[in-house]
Amino acid sequence: MNDLFPEPLPDGITLLPRQADAVALLPLIDAIAAMSPPRHLTVPGGGSMSVAMTNCGMLGWVSDRSGYRYDRIDPLTGRPWPAMPAAFTELAAGAAAQAGFAGFMPDACLINSYAPGARMGLHQDRDERDFAWPIVSVSLGLDAVFLIGGTRRADPTRALVLADGAVLVFGGPARRMYHGVRPLKAGHHPLLGARRLNLTFRKAG
């Protein structure tokens, strides 16, 4: 299945290669970024994330010294987050249904922008209210190495390459697994240049 992850994926994780089209999605992402610019969020310890982030939908994920949370207002602009495009909702709902999670309707989309060297440390997605719904993750641009661990931070991890257009759905027994992204390697994508964009869809409220 994958050079770094040849064995079957853990229960609850589905990889859908070439499911997303950067040509169709990038203009929508650029329009969202024009209204709510990507920024490097401060984490509770005082540092800043290497990944630049913005959101769209009814809720957006934010972080500062007071902690992690979802909010209806973009703290940078003081306005509600941009509406989620219908194409985003259709992509996320369709991928979730293929993975066995029919009825998924996201109310939050986190848009992460990776430059070479940017990474995402091991973490659990646990700020959402209902863990019965999956996370739907869309990869665009440069390849990324996604790490899948266990339900404890100290559990060993396995690596999975996420190429341009890949959609990863994780829910059920995988919903509370620790996961992250290794530092992005330099490269060039014909449309995004030296970038990776990652859309993660959640039912947060």
N, C-alpha and C. Protein backbone atom coordinates (compact mmCIF):
# COMPACT_ATOMS: atom_id res chain seq x y z
N MET A 1 0.83 -1.21 0.00
CA MET A 1 0.00 0.00 0.00
C MET A 1 0.86 1.26 0.00
N ASN A 2 2.00 1.21 0.69
CA ASN A 2 2.81 2.42 0.86
C ASN A 2 4.21 2.00 1.23
N ASP A 3 5.24 2.66 0.68
CA ASP A 3 6.61 2.26 0.95
C ASP A 3 6.94 2.29 2.44
N LEU A 4 6.39 3.26 3.18
CA LEU A 4 6.69 3.38 4.60
C LEU A 4 5.69 2.63 5.46
N PHE A 5 4.58 2.24 4.90
CA PHE A 5 3.51 1.63 5.69
C PHE A 5 2.92 0.48 4.86
N PRO A 6 3.69 -0.62 4.68
CA PRO A 6 3.24 -1.67 3.77
C PRO A 6 2.10 -2.52 4.31
N GLU A 7 1.96 -2.56 5.65
CA GLU A 7 0.92 -3.40 6.23
C GLU A 7 -0.43 -2.69 6.18
N PRO A 8 -1.54 -3.41 6.39
CA PRO A 8 -2.85 -2.76 6.39
C PRO A 8 -2.93 -1.63 7.41
N LEU A 9 -3.68 -0.60 7.07
CA LEU A 9 -3.86 0.53 7.98
C LEU A 9 -4.66 0.09 9.21
N PRO A 10 -4.46 0.77 10.34
CA PRO A 10 -5.23 0.41 11.54
C PRO A 10 -6.73 0.56 11.32
N ASP A 11 -7.50 -0.19 12.06
CA ASP A 11 -8.95 -0.14 11.98
C ASP A 11 -9.43 1.28 12.23
N GLY A 12 -10.29 1.78 11.36
CA GLY A 12 -10.82 3.13 11.50
C GLY A 12 -10.13 4.16 10.62
N ILE A 13 -9.03 3.76 9.94
CA ILE A 13 -8.30 4.68 9.07
C ILE A 13 -8.46 4.23 7.62
N THR A 14 -8.87 5.16 6.76
CA THR A 14 -9.04 4.88 5.33
C THR A 14 -8.27 5.91 4.53
N LEU A 15 -7.45 5.45 3.60
CA LEU A 15 -6.71 6.32 2.70
C LEU A 15 -7.34 6.27 1.32
N LEU A 16 -7.70 7.45 0.80
CA LEU A 16 -8.31 7.57 -0.52
C LEU A 16 -7.36 8.37 -1.41
N PRO A 17 -6.50 7.71 -2.18
CA PRO A 17 -5.54 8.44 -3.02
C PRO A 17 -6.23 9.23 -4.13
N ARG A 18 -5.61 10.35 -4.49
CA ARG A 18 -6.04 11.16 -5.64
C ARG A 18 -7.54 11.48 -5.59
N GLN A 19 -8.02 11.77 -4.42
CA GLN A 19 -9.45 12.06 -4.24
C GLN A 19 -9.76 13.54 -4.38
N ALA A 20 -8.76 14.39 -4.13
CA ALA A 20 -8.97 15.85 -4.13
C ALA A 20 -8.18 16.49 -5.27
N ASP A 21 -8.71 17.56 -5.80
CA ASP A 21 -8.13 18.24 -6.96
C ASP A 21 -7.68 19.64 -6.55
N ALA A 22 -6.35 19.86 -6.53
CA ALA A 22 -5.82 21.16 -6.13
C ALA A 22 -6.26 22.27 -7.08
N VAL A 23 -6.41 21.95 -8.35
CA VAL A 23 -6.83 22.97 -9.32
C VAL A 23 -8.18 23.56 -8.93
N ALA A 24 -9.09 22.71 -8.50
CA ALA A 24 -10.43 23.17 -8.13
C ALA A 24 -10.46 23.81 -6.75
N LEU A 25 -9.63 23.31 -5.83
CA LEU A 25 -9.72 23.75 -4.44
C LEU A 25 -8.90 25.00 -4.14
N LEU A 26 -7.78 25.18 -4.86
CA LEU A 26 -6.89 26.29 -4.50
C LEU A 26 -7.55 27.67 -4.61
N PRO A 27 -8.34 27.98 -5.63
CA PRO A 27 -8.99 29.30 -5.65
C PRO A 27 -9.92 29.52 -4.45
N LEU A 28 -10.57 28.47 -3.98
CA LEU A 28 -11.43 28.59 -2.80
C LEU A 28 -10.60 28.84 -1.55
N ILE A 29 -9.46 28.16 -1.44
CA ILE A 29 -8.57 28.36 -0.30
C ILE A 29 -8.01 29.78 -0.31
N ASP A 30 -7.61 30.26 -1.50
CA ASP A 30 -7.07 31.62 -1.60
C ASP A 30 -8.11 32.67 -1.20
N ALA A 31 -9.37 32.44 -1.57
CA ALA A 31 -10.43 33.39 -1.19
C ALA A 31 -10.64 33.40 0.32
N ILE A 32 -10.57 32.25 0.95
CA ILE A 32 -10.69 32.19 2.42
C ILE A 32 -9.52 32.91 3.07
N ALA A 33 -8.31 32.67 2.56
CA ALA A 33 -7.12 33.29 3.13
C ALA A 33 -7.13 34.80 2.97
N ALA A 34 -7.77 35.31 1.93
CA ALA A 34 -7.87 36.76 1.75
C ALA A 34 -8.75 37.38 2.82
N MET A 35 -9.74 36.64 3.32
CA MET A 35 -10.64 37.15 4.36
C MET A 35 -10.11 36.90 5.76
N SER A 36 -9.50 35.74 5.98
CA SER A 36 -8.92 35.39 7.28
C SER A 36 -7.52 34.86 7.02
N PRO A 37 -6.52 35.74 7.05
CA PRO A 37 -5.17 35.35 6.64
C PRO A 37 -4.59 34.25 7.53
N PRO A 38 -3.81 33.34 6.95
CA PRO A 38 -3.10 32.35 7.76
C PRO A 38 -2.15 33.03 8.73
N ARG A 39 -2.00 32.41 9.90
CA ARG A 39 -1.13 32.96 10.93
C ARG A 39 -0.49 31.82 11.72
N HIS A 40 0.64 32.11 12.37
CA HIS A 40 1.32 31.12 13.21
C HIS A 40 0.81 31.29 14.64
N LEU A 41 -0.04 30.38 15.06
CA LEU A 41 -0.69 30.50 16.35
C LEU A 41 0.28 30.30 17.50
N THR A 42 0.02 31.01 18.57
CA THR A 42 0.75 30.82 19.82
C THR A 42 0.17 29.63 20.56
N VAL A 43 1.04 28.80 21.10
CA VAL A 43 0.59 27.65 21.89
C VAL A 43 0.63 28.03 23.37
N PRO A 44 -0.06 27.26 24.22
CA PRO A 44 -0.15 27.64 25.63
C PRO A 44 1.20 27.86 26.30
N GLY A 45 2.24 27.13 25.86
CA GLY A 45 3.55 27.31 26.48
C GLY A 45 4.26 28.58 26.07
N GLY A 46 3.72 29.30 25.08
CA GLY A 46 4.31 30.57 24.67
C GLY A 46 5.01 30.54 23.32
N GLY A 47 5.31 29.36 22.80
CA GLY A 47 5.92 29.26 21.48
C GLY A 47 4.90 29.45 20.38
N SER A 48 5.35 29.33 19.15
CA SER A 48 4.42 29.46 18.02
C SER A 48 4.53 28.23 17.13
N MET A 49 3.43 27.91 16.47
CA MET A 49 3.39 26.76 15.58
C MET A 49 4.18 27.06 14.30
N SER A 50 4.88 26.04 13.79
CA SER A 50 5.62 26.22 12.54
C SER A 50 4.70 26.23 11.33
N VAL A 51 3.51 25.68 11.49
CA VAL A 51 2.51 25.65 10.44
C VAL A 51 1.64 26.91 10.53
N ALA A 52 1.39 27.56 9.41
CA ALA A 52 0.47 28.71 9.38
C ALA A 52 -0.94 28.18 9.20
N MET A 53 -1.90 28.78 9.90
CA MET A 53 -3.25 28.22 9.94
C MET A 53 -4.32 29.29 9.79
N THR A 54 -5.41 28.91 9.11
CA THR A 54 -6.65 29.67 9.15
C THR A 54 -7.79 28.66 9.15
N ASN A 55 -9.04 29.13 9.13
CA ASN A 55 -10.20 28.26 9.22
C ASN A 55 -11.33 28.78 8.34
N CYS A 56 -12.28 27.90 8.07
CA CYS A 56 -13.55 28.32 7.51
C CYS A 56 -14.64 27.44 8.10
N GLY A 57 -15.88 27.91 8.01
CA GLY A 57 -16.99 27.19 8.60
C GLY A 57 -17.57 27.92 9.80
N MET A 58 -18.55 27.31 10.44
CA MET A 58 -19.19 27.94 11.60
C MET A 58 -18.22 28.11 12.77
N LEU A 59 -17.24 27.21 12.88
CA LEU A 59 -16.29 27.24 13.98
C LEU A 59 -14.88 27.20 13.42
N GLY A 60 -13.96 27.82 14.15
CA GLY A 60 -12.54 27.76 13.80
C GLY A 60 -11.73 27.39 15.01
N TRP A 61 -10.66 26.64 14.79
CA TRP A 61 -9.79 26.21 15.89
C TRP A 61 -8.74 27.28 16.14
N VAL A 62 -8.58 27.68 17.39
CA VAL A 62 -7.61 28.71 17.74
C VAL A 62 -6.79 28.26 18.94
N SER A 63 -5.64 28.86 19.08
CA SER A 63 -4.74 28.56 20.19
C SER A 63 -4.05 29.85 20.64
N ASP A 64 -3.90 30.00 21.94
CA ASP A 64 -3.12 31.10 22.52
C ASP A 64 -2.65 30.65 23.89
N ARG A 65 -2.14 31.56 24.69
CA ARG A 65 -1.60 31.19 26.00
C ARG A 65 -2.67 30.61 26.93
N SER A 66 -3.95 30.91 26.65
CA SER A 66 -5.02 30.41 27.51
C SER A 66 -5.45 28.99 27.14
N GLY A 67 -4.99 28.47 25.99
CA GLY A 67 -5.30 27.09 25.64
C GLY A 67 -5.82 26.93 24.23
N TYR A 68 -6.32 25.72 23.93
CA TYR A 68 -6.86 25.36 22.63
C TYR A 68 -8.37 25.34 22.70
N ARG A 69 -9.04 25.76 21.62
CA ARG A 69 -10.51 25.79 21.63
C ARG A 69 -11.04 26.10 20.23
N TYR A 70 -12.33 25.89 20.06
CA TYR A 70 -13.03 26.34 18.87
C TYR A 70 -13.77 27.63 19.19
N ASP A 71 -13.84 28.51 18.20
CA ASP A 71 -14.52 29.79 18.38
C ASP A 71 -15.21 30.16 17.08
N ARG A 72 -16.33 30.87 17.18
CA ARG A 72 -17.05 31.33 15.99
C ARG A 72 -16.42 32.57 15.37
N ILE A 73 -15.57 33.27 16.13
CA ILE A 73 -14.98 34.53 15.68
C ILE A 73 -13.49 34.35 15.45
N ASP A 74 -13.01 34.87 14.32
CA ASP A 74 -11.58 34.91 14.04
C ASP A 74 -10.95 35.98 14.92
N PRO A 75 -10.07 35.63 15.85
CA PRO A 75 -9.50 36.65 16.74
C PRO A 75 -8.63 37.66 16.02
N LEU A 76 -8.16 37.33 14.82
CA LEU A 76 -7.32 38.26 14.07
C LEU A 76 -8.13 39.35 13.42
N THR A 77 -9.32 39.02 12.91
CA THR A 77 -10.14 39.99 12.20
C THR A 77 -11.31 40.51 13.03
N GLY A 78 -11.69 39.78 14.07
CA GLY A 78 -12.86 40.14 14.85
C GLY A 78 -14.17 39.84 14.16
N ARG A 79 -14.13 39.07 13.07
CA ARG A 79 -15.34 38.72 12.32
C ARG A 79 -15.52 37.20 12.32
N PRO A 80 -16.73 36.73 12.00
CA PRO A 80 -16.89 35.28 11.85
C PRO A 80 -15.96 34.73 10.78
N TRP A 81 -15.62 33.47 10.93
CA TRP A 81 -14.79 32.81 9.93
C TRP A 81 -15.52 32.79 8.58
N PRO A 82 -14.79 32.77 7.49
CA PRO A 82 -15.44 32.65 6.17
C PRO A 82 -16.30 31.39 6.10
N ALA A 83 -17.37 31.48 5.34
CA ALA A 83 -18.25 30.31 5.17
C ALA A 83 -17.50 29.18 4.48
N MET A 84 -17.89 27.96 4.80
CA MET A 84 -17.27 26.80 4.17
C MET A 84 -17.86 26.62 2.78
N PRO A 85 -17.03 26.58 1.75
CA PRO A 85 -17.56 26.39 0.39
C PRO A 85 -18.28 25.05 0.25
N ALA A 86 -19.29 25.03 -0.60
CA ALA A 86 -20.04 23.79 -0.81
C ALA A 86 -19.14 22.67 -1.32
N ALA A 87 -18.14 23.01 -2.13
CA ALA A 87 -17.23 21.98 -2.64
C ALA A 87 -16.44 21.33 -1.52
N PHE A 88 -16.11 22.08 -0.48
CA PHE A 88 -15.42 21.51 0.68
C PHE A 88 -16.33 20.50 1.40
N THR A 89 -17.57 20.94 1.65
CA THR A 89 -18.51 20.08 2.37
C THR A 89 -18.77 18.79 1.61
N GLU A 90 -18.94 18.91 0.30
CA GLU A 90 -19.20 17.72 -0.52
C GLU A 90 -18.01 16.77 -0.52
N LEU A 91 -16.81 17.31 -0.61
CA LEU A 91 -15.60 16.47 -0.59
C LEU A 91 -15.49 15.72 0.73
N ALA A 92 -15.65 16.44 1.84
CA ALA A 92 -15.49 15.83 3.16
C ALA A 92 -16.58 14.80 3.43
N ALA A 93 -17.83 15.14 3.11
CA ALA A 93 -18.93 14.22 3.36
C ALA A 93 -18.81 12.97 2.49
N GLY A 94 -18.40 13.16 1.23
CA GLY A 94 -18.25 12.02 0.33
C GLY A 94 -17.14 11.08 0.77
N ALA A 95 -16.01 11.65 1.20
CA ALA A 95 -14.90 10.81 1.66
C ALA A 95 -15.29 10.06 2.93
N ALA A 96 -15.96 10.75 3.86
CA ALA A 96 -16.39 10.10 5.09
C ALA A 96 -17.34 8.95 4.80
N ALA A 97 -18.25 9.15 3.86
CA ALA A 97 -19.20 8.09 3.52
C ALA A 97 -18.48 6.88 2.93
N GLN A 98 -17.48 7.12 2.09
CA GLN A 98 -16.71 6.01 1.53
C GLN A 98 -16.00 5.22 2.62
N ALA A 99 -15.63 5.90 3.72
CA ALA A 99 -14.93 5.26 4.83
C ALA A 99 -15.88 4.66 5.86
N GLY A 100 -17.19 4.76 5.60
CA GLY A 100 -18.16 4.15 6.50
C GLY A 100 -18.78 5.09 7.51
N PHE A 101 -18.62 6.40 7.30
CA PHE A 101 -19.18 7.39 8.23
C PHE A 101 -20.21 8.24 7.50
N ALA A 102 -21.29 7.62 7.07
CA ALA A 102 -22.35 8.34 6.37
C ALA A 102 -22.98 9.37 7.29
N GLY A 103 -23.38 10.51 6.70
CA GLY A 103 -24.04 11.57 7.46
C GLY A 103 -23.10 12.59 8.05
N PHE A 104 -21.79 12.46 7.81
CA PHE A 104 -20.83 13.43 8.33
C PHE A 104 -21.06 14.79 7.67
N MET A 105 -21.23 15.83 8.48
CA MET A 105 -21.43 17.18 7.98
C MET A 105 -20.53 18.12 8.78
N PRO A 106 -19.37 18.48 8.26
CA PRO A 106 -18.42 19.27 9.03
C PRO A 106 -18.91 20.69 9.28
N ASP A 107 -18.58 21.22 10.45
CA ASP A 107 -18.86 22.62 10.75
C ASP A 107 -17.57 23.42 10.94
N ALA A 108 -16.43 22.76 10.77
CA ALA A 108 -15.13 23.43 10.89
C ALA A 108 -14.16 22.82 9.89
N CYS A 109 -13.38 23.66 9.23
CA CYS A 109 -12.31 23.22 8.36
C CYS A 109 -11.05 24.00 8.72
N LEU A 110 -10.04 23.30 9.24
CA LEU A 110 -8.76 23.92 9.53
C LEU A 110 -7.91 23.85 8.27
N ILE A 111 -7.32 24.97 7.88
CA ILE A 111 -6.50 25.04 6.68
C ILE A 111 -5.07 25.32 7.12
N ASN A 112 -4.21 24.31 6.99
CA ASN A 112 -2.83 24.39 7.44
C ASN A 112 -1.90 24.55 6.24
N SER A 113 -0.99 25.50 6.33
CA SER A 113 -0.03 25.75 5.26
C SER A 113 1.37 25.40 5.77
N TYR A 114 2.00 24.43 5.11
CA TYR A 114 3.34 23.97 5.47
C TYR A 114 4.36 24.49 4.48
N ALA A 115 5.40 25.14 4.97
CA ALA A 115 6.58 25.44 4.18
C ALA A 115 7.63 24.39 4.53
N PRO A 116 8.70 24.24 3.72
CA PRO A 116 9.73 23.27 4.08
C PRO A 116 10.23 23.48 5.51
N GLY A 117 10.31 22.39 6.24
CA GLY A 117 10.72 22.44 7.64
C GLY A 117 9.58 22.49 8.63
N ALA A 118 8.39 22.90 8.19
CA ALA A 118 7.24 22.96 9.09
C ALA A 118 6.79 21.54 9.45
N ARG A 119 6.27 21.39 10.64
CA ARG A 119 5.89 20.08 11.13
C ARG A 119 4.67 20.20 12.03
N MET A 120 4.09 19.06 12.38
CA MET A 120 3.00 19.01 13.35
C MET A 120 3.36 17.93 14.36
N GLY A 121 3.55 18.34 15.61
CA GLY A 121 3.92 17.39 16.64
C GLY A 121 2.81 16.39 16.92
N LEU A 122 3.17 15.27 17.55
CA LEU A 122 2.18 14.27 17.90
C LEU A 122 1.12 14.87 18.80
N HIS A 123 -0.14 14.61 18.48
CA HIS A 123 -1.25 15.16 19.26
C HIS A 123 -2.49 14.32 19.03
N GLN A 124 -3.46 14.48 19.88
CA GLN A 124 -4.80 13.94 19.69
C GLN A 124 -5.74 15.09 19.36
N ASP A 125 -6.72 14.85 18.50
CA ASP A 125 -7.77 15.83 18.25
C ASP A 125 -8.87 15.57 19.27
N ARG A 126 -8.93 16.41 20.31
CA ARG A 126 -9.87 16.14 21.40
C ARG A 126 -10.63 17.38 21.86
N ASP A 127 -10.66 18.41 21.01
CA ASP A 127 -11.43 19.61 21.36
C ASP A 127 -12.84 19.58 20.79
N GLU A 128 -13.17 18.52 20.05
CA GLU A 128 -14.50 18.38 19.47
C GLU A 128 -15.45 17.78 20.51
N ARG A 129 -16.74 18.03 20.35
CA ARG A 129 -17.72 17.58 21.34
C ARG A 129 -18.08 16.11 21.20
N ASP A 130 -18.10 15.59 19.96
CA ASP A 130 -18.60 14.24 19.73
C ASP A 130 -17.57 13.45 18.94
N PHE A 131 -16.90 12.51 19.60
CA PHE A 131 -15.85 11.74 18.95
C PHE A 131 -16.41 10.62 18.07
N ALA A 132 -17.72 10.52 17.96
CA ALA A 132 -18.30 9.52 17.06
C ALA A 132 -18.06 9.89 15.59
N TRP A 133 -17.82 11.19 15.33
CA TRP A 133 -17.58 11.62 13.96
C TRP A 133 -16.09 11.59 13.65
N PRO A 134 -15.71 11.30 12.40
CA PRO A 134 -14.29 11.19 12.05
C PRO A 134 -13.66 12.55 11.79
N ILE A 135 -12.35 12.52 11.60
CA ILE A 135 -11.60 13.63 11.02
C ILE A 135 -11.35 13.28 9.56
N VAL A 136 -11.56 14.23 8.67
CA VAL A 136 -11.27 14.04 7.25
C VAL A 136 -10.14 15.00 6.88
N SER A 137 -9.01 14.45 6.45
CA SER A 137 -7.81 15.23 6.17
C SER A 137 -7.47 15.18 4.69
N VAL A 138 -7.35 16.35 4.06
CA VAL A 138 -7.08 16.46 2.62
C VAL A 138 -5.68 17.04 2.43
N SER A 139 -4.86 16.38 1.61
CA SER A 139 -3.49 16.83 1.35
C SER A 139 -3.37 17.37 -0.06
N LEU A 140 -2.77 18.54 -0.19
CA LEU A 140 -2.53 19.18 -1.48
C LEU A 140 -1.08 19.66 -1.53
N GLY A 141 -0.44 19.53 -2.69
CA GLY A 141 0.92 20.04 -2.83
C GLY A 141 1.96 18.99 -2.53
N LEU A 142 3.04 19.40 -1.85
CA LEU A 142 4.16 18.51 -1.58
C LEU A 142 3.75 17.32 -0.72
N ASP A 143 4.43 16.19 -0.94
CA ASP A 143 4.19 15.01 -0.13
C ASP A 143 4.54 15.28 1.34
N ALA A 144 3.79 14.66 2.22
CA ALA A 144 4.06 14.74 3.65
C ALA A 144 4.14 13.34 4.23
N VAL A 145 4.92 13.20 5.29
CA VAL A 145 5.00 11.94 6.01
C VAL A 145 4.16 12.07 7.27
N PHE A 146 3.07 11.34 7.28
CA PHE A 146 2.09 11.37 8.37
C PHE A 146 2.43 10.26 9.35
N LEU A 147 2.47 10.58 10.63
CA LEU A 147 2.80 9.61 11.68
C LEU A 147 1.53 9.18 12.40
N ILE A 148 1.37 7.88 12.58
CA ILE A 148 0.23 7.31 13.27
C ILE A 148 0.74 6.55 14.49
N GLY A 149 0.29 6.95 15.67
CA GLY A 149 0.71 6.29 16.89
C GLY A 149 -0.43 5.50 17.51
N GLY A 150 -0.44 5.48 18.84
CA GLY A 150 -1.49 4.79 19.57
C GLY A 150 -2.29 5.77 20.41
N THR A 151 -2.92 5.29 21.44
CA THR A 151 -3.75 6.15 22.28
C THR A 151 -2.94 6.81 23.39
N ARG A 152 -1.65 6.50 23.47
CA ARG A 152 -0.75 7.16 24.41
C ARG A 152 0.37 7.83 23.63
N ARG A 153 0.82 8.98 24.11
CA ARG A 153 1.86 9.72 23.39
C ARG A 153 3.13 8.88 23.23
N ALA A 154 3.42 8.02 24.20
CA ALA A 154 4.65 7.24 24.17
C ALA A 154 4.57 6.02 23.26
N ASP A 155 3.40 5.71 22.73
CA ASP A 155 3.27 4.55 21.86
C ASP A 155 4.10 4.73 20.59
N PRO A 156 4.65 3.63 20.04
CA PRO A 156 5.42 3.75 18.80
C PRO A 156 4.55 4.24 17.64
N THR A 157 5.19 4.89 16.68
CA THR A 157 4.48 5.43 15.52
C THR A 157 4.90 4.69 14.25
N ARG A 158 4.00 4.71 13.28
CA ARG A 158 4.28 4.23 11.94
C ARG A 158 4.05 5.39 10.98
N ALA A 159 4.68 5.32 9.82
CA ALA A 159 4.67 6.45 8.89
C ALA A 159 3.92 6.11 7.61
N LEU A 160 3.21 7.10 7.12
CA LEU A 160 2.41 6.96 5.90
C LEU A 160 2.62 8.19 5.04
N VAL A 161 3.00 8.01 3.77
CA VAL A 161 3.18 9.14 2.86
C VAL A 161 1.82 9.60 2.34
N LEU A 162 1.55 10.90 2.48
CA LEU A 162 0.33 11.50 1.95
C LEU A 162 0.71 12.36 0.76
N ALA A 163 0.33 11.92 -0.43
CA ALA A 163 0.67 12.63 -1.66
C ALA A 163 -0.42 13.64 -2.02
N ASP A 164 -0.12 14.45 -3.01
CA ASP A 164 -1.07 15.45 -3.50
C ASP A 164 -2.39 14.79 -3.87
N GLY A 165 -3.49 15.30 -3.32
CA GLY A 165 -4.81 14.78 -3.63
C GLY A 165 -5.31 13.70 -2.70
N ALA A 166 -4.45 13.22 -1.80
CA ALA A 166 -4.87 12.14 -0.90
C ALA A 166 -5.84 12.66 0.16
N VAL A 167 -6.83 11.83 0.49
CA VAL A 167 -7.75 12.13 1.58
C VAL A 167 -7.65 10.99 2.58
N LEU A 168 -7.39 11.34 3.83
CA LEU A 168 -7.27 10.37 4.92
C LEU A 168 -8.43 10.57 5.87
N VAL A 169 -9.16 9.51 6.15
CA VAL A 169 -10.29 9.56 7.07
C VAL A 169 -9.93 8.71 8.28
N PHE A 170 -10.03 9.29 9.49
CA PHE A 170 -9.80 8.46 10.67
C PHE A 170 -10.87 8.72 11.72
N GLY A 171 -11.48 7.62 12.13
CA GLY A 171 -12.56 7.68 13.11
C GLY A 171 -12.68 6.35 13.81
N GLY A 172 -13.78 6.16 14.54
CA GLY A 172 -13.96 4.91 15.26
C GLY A 172 -12.82 4.66 16.22
N PRO A 173 -12.20 3.47 16.20
CA PRO A 173 -11.11 3.17 17.12
C PRO A 173 -9.86 3.99 16.88
N ALA A 174 -9.74 4.61 15.70
CA ALA A 174 -8.56 5.43 15.40
C ALA A 174 -8.74 6.89 15.79
N ARG A 175 -9.95 7.26 16.21
CA ARG A 175 -10.26 8.67 16.44
C ARG A 175 -9.38 9.30 17.52
N ARG A 176 -8.97 8.52 18.51
CA ARG A 176 -8.16 9.06 19.62
C ARG A 176 -6.68 8.72 19.49
N MET A 177 -6.27 8.26 18.32
CA MET A 177 -4.85 7.95 18.13
C MET A 177 -4.02 9.23 18.02
N TYR A 178 -2.84 9.19 18.62
CA TYR A 178 -1.89 10.29 18.42
C TYR A 178 -1.40 10.26 16.97
N HIS A 179 -1.21 11.44 16.42
CA HIS A 179 -0.76 11.54 15.04
C HIS A 179 -0.02 12.86 14.85
N GLY A 180 0.76 12.95 13.80
CA GLY A 180 1.52 14.17 13.53
C GLY A 180 2.09 14.12 12.13
N VAL A 181 2.92 15.11 11.80
CA VAL A 181 3.54 15.21 10.47
C VAL A 181 5.01 15.54 10.66
N ARG A 182 5.87 14.75 10.01
CA ARG A 182 7.31 15.03 10.05
C ARG A 182 7.62 16.35 9.35
N PRO A 183 8.78 16.97 9.66
CA PRO A 183 9.15 18.21 8.96
C PRO A 183 9.06 18.03 7.44
N LEU A 184 8.42 18.98 6.79
CA LEU A 184 8.20 18.90 5.35
C LEU A 184 9.52 19.06 4.61
N LYS A 185 9.77 18.16 3.66
CA LYS A 185 10.98 18.24 2.85
C LYS A 185 10.79 19.25 1.72
N ALA A 186 11.90 19.88 1.32
CA ALA A 186 11.84 20.85 0.23
C ALA A 186 11.47 20.13 -1.07
N GLY A 187 10.81 20.85 -1.94
CA GLY A 187 10.41 20.30 -3.22
C GLY A 187 9.64 21.35 -4.00
N HIS A 188 9.09 20.94 -5.12
CA HIS A 188 8.31 21.88 -5.94
C HIS A 188 7.08 21.17 -6.48
N HIS A 189 5.94 21.80 -6.27
CA HIS A 189 4.68 21.33 -6.83
C HIS A 189 4.29 22.30 -7.95
N PRO A 190 3.80 21.81 -9.09
CA PRO A 190 3.53 22.70 -10.22
C PRO A 190 2.52 23.79 -9.93
N LEU A 191 1.64 23.59 -8.97
CA LEU A 191 0.61 24.59 -8.67
C LEU A 191 0.89 25.33 -7.37
N LEU A 192 1.37 24.63 -6.37
CA LEU A 192 1.56 25.22 -5.04
C LEU A 192 3.00 25.61 -4.76
N GLY A 193 3.91 25.28 -5.64
CA GLY A 193 5.32 25.60 -5.39
C GLY A 193 5.87 24.79 -4.24
N ALA A 194 6.60 25.46 -3.35
CA ALA A 194 7.25 24.78 -2.21
C ALA A 194 6.32 24.79 -1.00
N ARG A 195 5.11 24.26 -1.19
CA ARG A 195 4.12 24.28 -0.10
C ARG A 195 3.35 22.98 -0.05
N ARG A 196 2.83 22.71 1.13
CA ARG A 196 1.79 21.70 1.30
C ARG A 196 0.62 22.37 1.99
N LEU A 197 -0.57 22.16 1.49
CA LEU A 197 -1.78 22.61 2.15
C LEU A 197 -2.53 21.39 2.67
N ASN A 198 -3.06 21.52 3.86
CA ASN A 198 -3.81 20.43 4.48
C ASN A 198 -5.13 20.98 5.00
N LEU A 199 -6.22 20.40 4.55
CA LEU A 199 -7.55 20.76 5.04
C LEU A 199 -8.00 19.65 5.99
N THR A 200 -8.38 19.99 7.20
CA THR A 200 -8.91 18.98 8.10
C THR A 200 -10.31 19.38 8.51
N PHE A 201 -11.24 18.49 8.18
CA PHE A 201 -12.66 18.74 8.41
C PHE A 201 -13.11 18.03 9.69
N ARG A 202 -13.87 18.75 10.53
CA ARG A 202 -14.34 18.20 11.78
C ARG A 202 -15.80 18.59 12.03
N LYS A 203 -16.48 17.77 12.79
CA LYS A 203 -17.75 18.14 13.40
C LYS A 203 -17.40 18.54 14.81
N ALA A 204 -17.27 19.84 15.04
CA ALA A 204 -16.70 20.33 16.30
C ALA A 204 -17.75 20.72 17.32
N GLY A 205 -18.89 21.27 16.86
CA GLY A 205 -19.89 21.77 17.79
C GLY A 205 -20.98 20.77 18.09
